[in-house]
Amino acid sequence: MVLVTNGLSEVQRPRLANAGLTEYFEHIIISDEISSAKPQQAFFDYCHNKMNYPDKGRVLVIGDTLKSDIRGARAFGYKSCWFNHDGLNNEGTDQPDYEIRKLEELLRIVLV
């Protein structure tokens, strides 16, 4: 698993460490460290390279932002899952493959 995030390294790295998340990911990719951000193709190119070029159809990007996470993933050819924890209506053009409101709901997607 790879964790990807936009933001500043000095903000994101301590936040992730304090949340106890870093041990679960093979790579942590922060936009500030690679000079490219989601939804830019260069960001996803970098991530794809770090993962050793997996089949794009087997990659799932889970994110809470339609314009950066979902748009970027879909444009790159990855599957996408919108973590819509607030139950917002999606009235835009960025349509995810999946939508969840609780992280536990990921199990029905990834264990298929």
N, C-alpha and C. Protein backbone atom coordinates (compact mmCIF):
# COMPACT_ATOMS: atom_id res chain seq x y z
N MET A 1 0.84 -1.18 0.00
CA MET A 1 0.00 0.00 0.00
C MET A 1 0.88 1.24 0.00
N VAL A 2 0.38 2.25 -0.67
CA VAL A 2 1.08 3.53 -0.77
C VAL A 2 0.14 4.63 -0.30
N LEU A 3 0.64 5.52 0.53
CA LEU A 3 -0.14 6.66 0.97
C LEU A 3 0.30 7.86 0.15
N VAL A 4 -0.66 8.54 -0.46
CA VAL A 4 -0.36 9.72 -1.26
C VAL A 4 -1.15 10.90 -0.72
N THR A 5 -0.50 12.06 -0.67
CA THR A 5 -1.18 13.23 -0.14
C THR A 5 -0.59 14.50 -0.71
N ASN A 6 -1.44 15.49 -0.87
CA ASN A 6 -0.98 16.83 -1.20
C ASN A 6 -0.65 17.53 0.11
N GLY A 7 0.25 18.47 0.04
CA GLY A 7 0.56 19.27 1.22
C GLY A 7 2.05 19.42 1.45
N LEU A 8 2.35 20.07 2.55
CA LEU A 8 3.73 20.31 2.92
C LEU A 8 4.27 19.15 3.75
N SER A 9 5.47 18.76 3.45
CA SER A 9 6.09 17.64 4.13
C SER A 9 6.16 17.85 5.64
N GLU A 10 6.54 19.05 6.06
CA GLU A 10 6.71 19.31 7.50
C GLU A 10 5.38 19.31 8.26
N VAL A 11 4.28 19.39 7.54
CA VAL A 11 2.96 19.28 8.15
C VAL A 11 2.46 17.83 8.08
N GLN A 12 2.57 17.24 6.90
CA GLN A 12 2.00 15.91 6.67
C GLN A 12 2.74 14.79 7.38
N ARG A 13 4.05 14.78 7.35
CA ARG A 13 4.81 13.67 7.96
C ARG A 13 4.52 13.55 9.47
N PRO A 14 4.60 14.65 10.25
CA PRO A 14 4.25 14.51 11.68
C PRO A 14 2.79 14.11 11.90
N ARG A 15 1.90 14.62 11.08
CA ARG A 15 0.48 14.28 11.20
C ARG A 15 0.27 12.77 10.99
N LEU A 16 0.91 12.23 9.98
CA LEU A 16 0.78 10.80 9.69
C LEU A 16 1.42 9.95 10.78
N ALA A 17 2.57 10.38 11.27
CA ALA A 17 3.25 9.65 12.34
C ALA A 17 2.42 9.68 13.62
N ASN A 18 1.87 10.82 13.96
CA ASN A 18 1.04 10.94 15.17
C ASN A 18 -0.23 10.09 15.08
N ALA A 19 -0.72 9.89 13.87
CA ALA A 19 -1.91 9.08 13.67
C ALA A 19 -1.57 7.58 13.66
N GLY A 20 -0.28 7.26 13.68
CA GLY A 20 0.13 5.85 13.68
C GLY A 20 -0.06 5.16 12.35
N LEU A 21 -0.03 5.91 11.25
CA LEU A 21 -0.31 5.33 9.94
C LEU A 21 0.92 4.90 9.15
N THR A 22 2.07 5.47 9.46
CA THR A 22 3.23 5.27 8.59
C THR A 22 3.67 3.82 8.48
N GLU A 23 3.50 3.03 9.51
CA GLU A 23 3.97 1.64 9.48
C GLU A 23 3.20 0.75 8.52
N TYR A 24 2.05 1.20 8.06
CA TYR A 24 1.20 0.37 7.20
C TYR A 24 1.48 0.56 5.70
N PHE A 25 2.37 1.49 5.37
CA PHE A 25 2.57 1.83 3.96
C PHE A 25 4.01 1.61 3.53
N GLU A 26 4.14 1.03 2.34
CA GLU A 26 5.46 0.81 1.78
C GLU A 26 6.11 2.12 1.38
N HIS A 27 5.31 3.03 0.84
CA HIS A 27 5.79 4.36 0.44
C HIS A 27 4.80 5.41 0.92
N ILE A 28 5.32 6.57 1.25
CA ILE A 28 4.49 7.74 1.54
C ILE A 28 4.96 8.82 0.58
N ILE A 29 4.04 9.27 -0.26
CA ILE A 29 4.38 10.25 -1.29
C ILE A 29 3.63 11.54 -1.00
N ILE A 30 4.39 12.60 -0.80
CA ILE A 30 3.83 13.90 -0.45
C ILE A 30 4.16 14.87 -1.58
N SER A 31 3.15 15.58 -2.04
CA SER A 31 3.31 16.47 -3.19
C SER A 31 4.48 17.43 -3.04
N ASP A 32 4.67 17.98 -1.85
CA ASP A 32 5.74 18.93 -1.59
C ASP A 32 7.12 18.33 -1.87
N GLU A 33 7.26 17.05 -1.67
CA GLU A 33 8.56 16.39 -1.84
C GLU A 33 8.86 16.02 -3.28
N ILE A 34 7.83 16.02 -4.13
CA ILE A 34 8.07 15.64 -5.52
C ILE A 34 7.74 16.76 -6.50
N SER A 35 7.39 17.93 -5.97
CA SER A 35 7.11 19.12 -6.78
C SER A 35 6.00 18.92 -7.79
N SER A 36 5.02 18.11 -7.41
CA SER A 36 3.85 17.87 -8.24
C SER A 36 2.73 17.46 -7.30
N ALA A 37 1.50 17.84 -7.65
CA ALA A 37 0.37 17.55 -6.76
C ALA A 37 -0.76 16.89 -7.53
N LYS A 38 -1.59 16.16 -6.77
CA LYS A 38 -2.82 15.60 -7.36
C LYS A 38 -3.69 16.78 -7.77
N PRO A 39 -4.32 16.79 -8.89
CA PRO A 39 -4.54 15.71 -9.84
C PRO A 39 -3.58 15.68 -11.03
N GLN A 40 -2.44 16.34 -10.95
CA GLN A 40 -1.51 16.40 -12.08
C GLN A 40 -1.01 15.01 -12.46
N GLN A 41 -0.89 14.80 -13.75
CA GLN A 41 -0.42 13.51 -14.24
C GLN A 41 0.97 13.19 -13.71
N ALA A 42 1.82 14.21 -13.58
CA ALA A 42 3.18 13.98 -13.09
C ALA A 42 3.17 13.36 -11.70
N PHE A 43 2.22 13.73 -10.86
CA PHE A 43 2.10 13.14 -9.53
C PHE A 43 1.82 11.65 -9.64
N PHE A 44 0.86 11.30 -10.48
CA PHE A 44 0.49 9.90 -10.64
C PHE A 44 1.56 9.10 -11.38
N ASP A 45 2.27 9.74 -12.31
CA ASP A 45 3.41 9.09 -12.96
C ASP A 45 4.45 8.68 -11.91
N TYR A 46 4.75 9.59 -11.00
CA TYR A 46 5.73 9.33 -9.95
C TYR A 46 5.27 8.16 -9.08
N CYS A 47 4.01 8.19 -8.68
CA CYS A 47 3.46 7.12 -7.84
C CYS A 47 3.51 5.77 -8.55
N HIS A 48 3.13 5.77 -9.81
CA HIS A 48 3.12 4.54 -10.60
C HIS A 48 4.53 3.94 -10.68
N ASN A 49 5.51 4.79 -10.88
CA ASN A 49 6.90 4.37 -10.92
C ASN A 49 7.30 3.76 -9.58
N LYS A 50 6.97 4.43 -8.47
CA LYS A 50 7.33 3.94 -7.13
C LYS A 50 6.72 2.56 -6.84
N MET A 51 5.58 2.29 -7.46
CA MET A 51 4.91 1.00 -7.25
C MET A 51 5.36 -0.05 -8.26
N ASN A 52 6.39 0.27 -9.03
CA ASN A 52 6.92 -0.65 -10.05
C ASN A 52 5.92 -0.98 -11.15
N TYR A 53 5.18 0.03 -11.57
CA TYR A 53 4.31 -0.06 -12.75
C TYR A 53 3.28 -1.18 -12.71
N PRO A 54 2.43 -1.20 -11.70
CA PRO A 54 1.40 -2.25 -11.65
C PRO A 54 0.35 -2.02 -12.73
N ASP A 55 -0.45 -3.03 -12.98
CA ASP A 55 -1.60 -2.91 -13.88
C ASP A 55 -2.49 -1.82 -13.30
N LYS A 56 -2.74 -0.78 -14.05
CA LYS A 56 -3.52 0.36 -13.55
C LYS A 56 -4.92 -0.04 -13.08
N GLY A 57 -5.49 -1.04 -13.70
CA GLY A 57 -6.82 -1.49 -13.32
C GLY A 57 -6.87 -2.17 -11.96
N ARG A 58 -5.70 -2.46 -11.38
CA ARG A 58 -5.63 -3.09 -10.07
C ARG A 58 -5.26 -2.11 -8.96
N VAL A 59 -5.16 -0.83 -9.32
CA VAL A 59 -4.81 0.20 -8.34
C VAL A 59 -6.08 0.96 -7.96
N LEU A 60 -6.29 1.12 -6.66
CA LEU A 60 -7.44 1.85 -6.15
C LEU A 60 -6.96 3.04 -5.35
N VAL A 61 -7.36 4.23 -5.77
CA VAL A 61 -7.06 5.45 -5.04
C VAL A 61 -8.28 5.78 -4.18
N ILE A 62 -8.05 5.90 -2.88
CA ILE A 62 -9.12 6.24 -1.95
C ILE A 62 -8.86 7.66 -1.48
N GLY A 63 -9.82 8.53 -1.69
CA GLY A 63 -9.61 9.91 -1.31
C GLY A 63 -10.91 10.62 -0.98
N ASP A 64 -10.78 11.73 -0.27
CA ASP A 64 -11.96 12.48 0.14
C ASP A 64 -12.20 13.73 -0.69
N THR A 65 -11.39 13.94 -1.71
CA THR A 65 -11.53 15.14 -2.53
C THR A 65 -11.79 14.75 -3.99
N LEU A 66 -12.94 15.12 -4.48
CA LEU A 66 -13.30 14.77 -5.85
C LEU A 66 -12.34 15.38 -6.88
N LYS A 67 -12.01 16.64 -6.72
CA LYS A 67 -11.22 17.34 -7.75
C LYS A 67 -9.76 16.91 -7.80
N SER A 68 -9.18 16.49 -6.70
CA SER A 68 -7.78 16.07 -6.76
C SER A 68 -7.65 14.55 -6.75
N ASP A 69 -8.27 13.88 -5.80
CA ASP A 69 -8.12 12.43 -5.68
C ASP A 69 -8.83 11.67 -6.79
N ILE A 70 -10.11 11.91 -6.93
CA ILE A 70 -10.92 11.14 -7.88
C ILE A 70 -10.61 11.54 -9.32
N ARG A 71 -10.55 12.83 -9.59
CA ARG A 71 -10.24 13.29 -10.95
C ARG A 71 -8.87 12.79 -11.39
N GLY A 72 -7.87 12.93 -10.53
CA GLY A 72 -6.51 12.51 -10.89
C GLY A 72 -6.42 11.02 -11.12
N ALA A 73 -7.02 10.24 -10.23
CA ALA A 73 -6.98 8.79 -10.37
C ALA A 73 -7.66 8.34 -11.66
N ARG A 74 -8.83 8.84 -11.90
CA ARG A 74 -9.59 8.43 -13.10
C ARG A 74 -8.86 8.83 -14.38
N ALA A 75 -8.31 10.03 -14.40
CA ALA A 75 -7.59 10.49 -15.60
C ALA A 75 -6.36 9.64 -15.87
N PHE A 76 -5.76 9.11 -14.82
CA PHE A 76 -4.56 8.29 -14.97
C PHE A 76 -4.88 6.84 -15.32
N GLY A 77 -6.13 6.44 -15.12
CA GLY A 77 -6.52 5.07 -15.43
C GLY A 77 -6.65 4.18 -14.21
N TYR A 78 -6.55 4.76 -13.02
CA TYR A 78 -6.73 4.01 -11.79
C TYR A 78 -8.20 3.98 -11.42
N LYS A 79 -8.58 3.00 -10.64
CA LYS A 79 -9.91 2.96 -10.03
C LYS A 79 -9.92 3.99 -8.90
N SER A 80 -11.11 4.47 -8.56
CA SER A 80 -11.18 5.48 -7.51
C SER A 80 -12.33 5.19 -6.55
N CYS A 81 -12.10 5.58 -5.30
CA CYS A 81 -13.11 5.43 -4.27
C CYS A 81 -13.19 6.74 -3.50
N TRP A 82 -14.36 7.33 -3.51
CA TRP A 82 -14.57 8.59 -2.79
C TRP A 82 -14.95 8.28 -1.36
N PHE A 83 -14.12 8.73 -0.43
CA PHE A 83 -14.41 8.61 1.00
C PHE A 83 -15.25 9.83 1.37
N ASN A 84 -16.53 9.66 1.23
CA ASN A 84 -17.51 10.74 1.41
C ASN A 84 -18.07 10.68 2.83
N HIS A 85 -17.23 10.95 3.80
CA HIS A 85 -17.61 10.81 5.21
C HIS A 85 -18.71 11.76 5.64
N ASP A 86 -18.92 12.84 4.90
CA ASP A 86 -19.97 13.80 5.25
C ASP A 86 -21.28 13.57 4.50
N GLY A 87 -21.31 12.58 3.62
CA GLY A 87 -22.52 12.28 2.86
C GLY A 87 -22.93 13.39 1.91
N LEU A 88 -21.96 14.02 1.28
CA LEU A 88 -22.23 15.12 0.35
C LEU A 88 -22.81 14.59 -0.95
N ASN A 89 -23.55 15.44 -1.65
CA ASN A 89 -24.04 15.11 -2.99
C ASN A 89 -22.93 15.41 -3.99
N ASN A 90 -22.74 14.52 -4.93
CA ASN A 90 -21.76 14.74 -5.98
C ASN A 90 -22.51 15.26 -7.21
N GLU A 91 -22.44 16.54 -7.40
CA GLU A 91 -23.13 17.16 -8.52
C GLU A 91 -22.18 17.54 -9.64
N GLY A 92 -20.94 17.10 -9.53
CA GLY A 92 -19.93 17.44 -10.53
C GLY A 92 -19.73 16.33 -11.54
N THR A 93 -18.68 16.48 -12.31
CA THR A 93 -18.38 15.51 -13.36
C THR A 93 -17.38 14.45 -12.93
N ASP A 94 -16.80 14.61 -11.75
CA ASP A 94 -15.81 13.66 -11.25
C ASP A 94 -16.51 12.51 -10.54
N GLN A 95 -16.75 11.45 -11.28
CA GLN A 95 -17.50 10.32 -10.76
C GLN A 95 -16.56 9.18 -10.34
N PRO A 96 -16.60 8.79 -9.07
CA PRO A 96 -15.75 7.69 -8.61
C PRO A 96 -16.32 6.33 -9.02
N ASP A 97 -15.46 5.34 -9.00
CA ASP A 97 -15.92 3.97 -9.23
C ASP A 97 -16.71 3.46 -8.03
N TYR A 98 -16.30 3.90 -6.85
CA TYR A 98 -16.94 3.49 -5.60
C TYR A 98 -17.11 4.71 -4.71
N GLU A 99 -18.01 4.58 -3.76
CA GLU A 99 -18.20 5.64 -2.77
C GLU A 99 -18.47 4.97 -1.42
N ILE A 100 -17.78 5.45 -0.40
CA ILE A 100 -17.98 4.93 0.95
C ILE A 100 -18.16 6.10 1.93
N ARG A 101 -18.79 5.81 3.06
CA ARG A 101 -18.93 6.82 4.11
C ARG A 101 -18.12 6.46 5.34
N LYS A 102 -17.77 5.17 5.48
CA LYS A 102 -16.96 4.69 6.60
C LYS A 102 -15.83 3.84 6.03
N LEU A 103 -14.66 3.92 6.65
CA LEU A 103 -13.52 3.15 6.16
C LEU A 103 -13.78 1.65 6.17
N GLU A 104 -14.60 1.18 7.09
CA GLU A 104 -14.91 -0.25 7.15
C GLU A 104 -15.54 -0.75 5.85
N GLU A 105 -16.18 0.16 5.14
CA GLU A 105 -16.83 -0.22 3.88
C GLU A 105 -15.85 -0.60 2.79
N LEU A 106 -14.57 -0.27 2.98
CA LEU A 106 -13.55 -0.63 2.01
C LEU A 106 -13.42 -2.15 1.85
N LEU A 107 -13.70 -2.87 2.91
CA LEU A 107 -13.54 -4.32 2.86
C LEU A 107 -14.36 -4.96 1.75
N ARG A 108 -15.57 -4.49 1.53
CA ARG A 108 -16.43 -5.07 0.48
C ARG A 108 -15.89 -4.75 -0.92
N ILE A 109 -15.02 -3.76 -1.00
CA ILE A 109 -14.43 -3.38 -2.29
C ILE A 109 -13.12 -4.12 -2.53
N VAL A 110 -12.23 -4.11 -1.56
CA VAL A 110 -10.90 -4.65 -1.77
C VAL A 110 -10.81 -6.17 -1.57
N LEU A 111 -11.79 -6.76 -0.91
CA LEU A 111 -11.74 -8.21 -0.69
C LEU A 111 -12.56 -8.99 -1.71
N VAL A 112 -12.89 -8.37 -2.80
CA VAL A 112 -13.67 -9.04 -3.86
C VAL A 112 -12.75 -9.90 -4.70
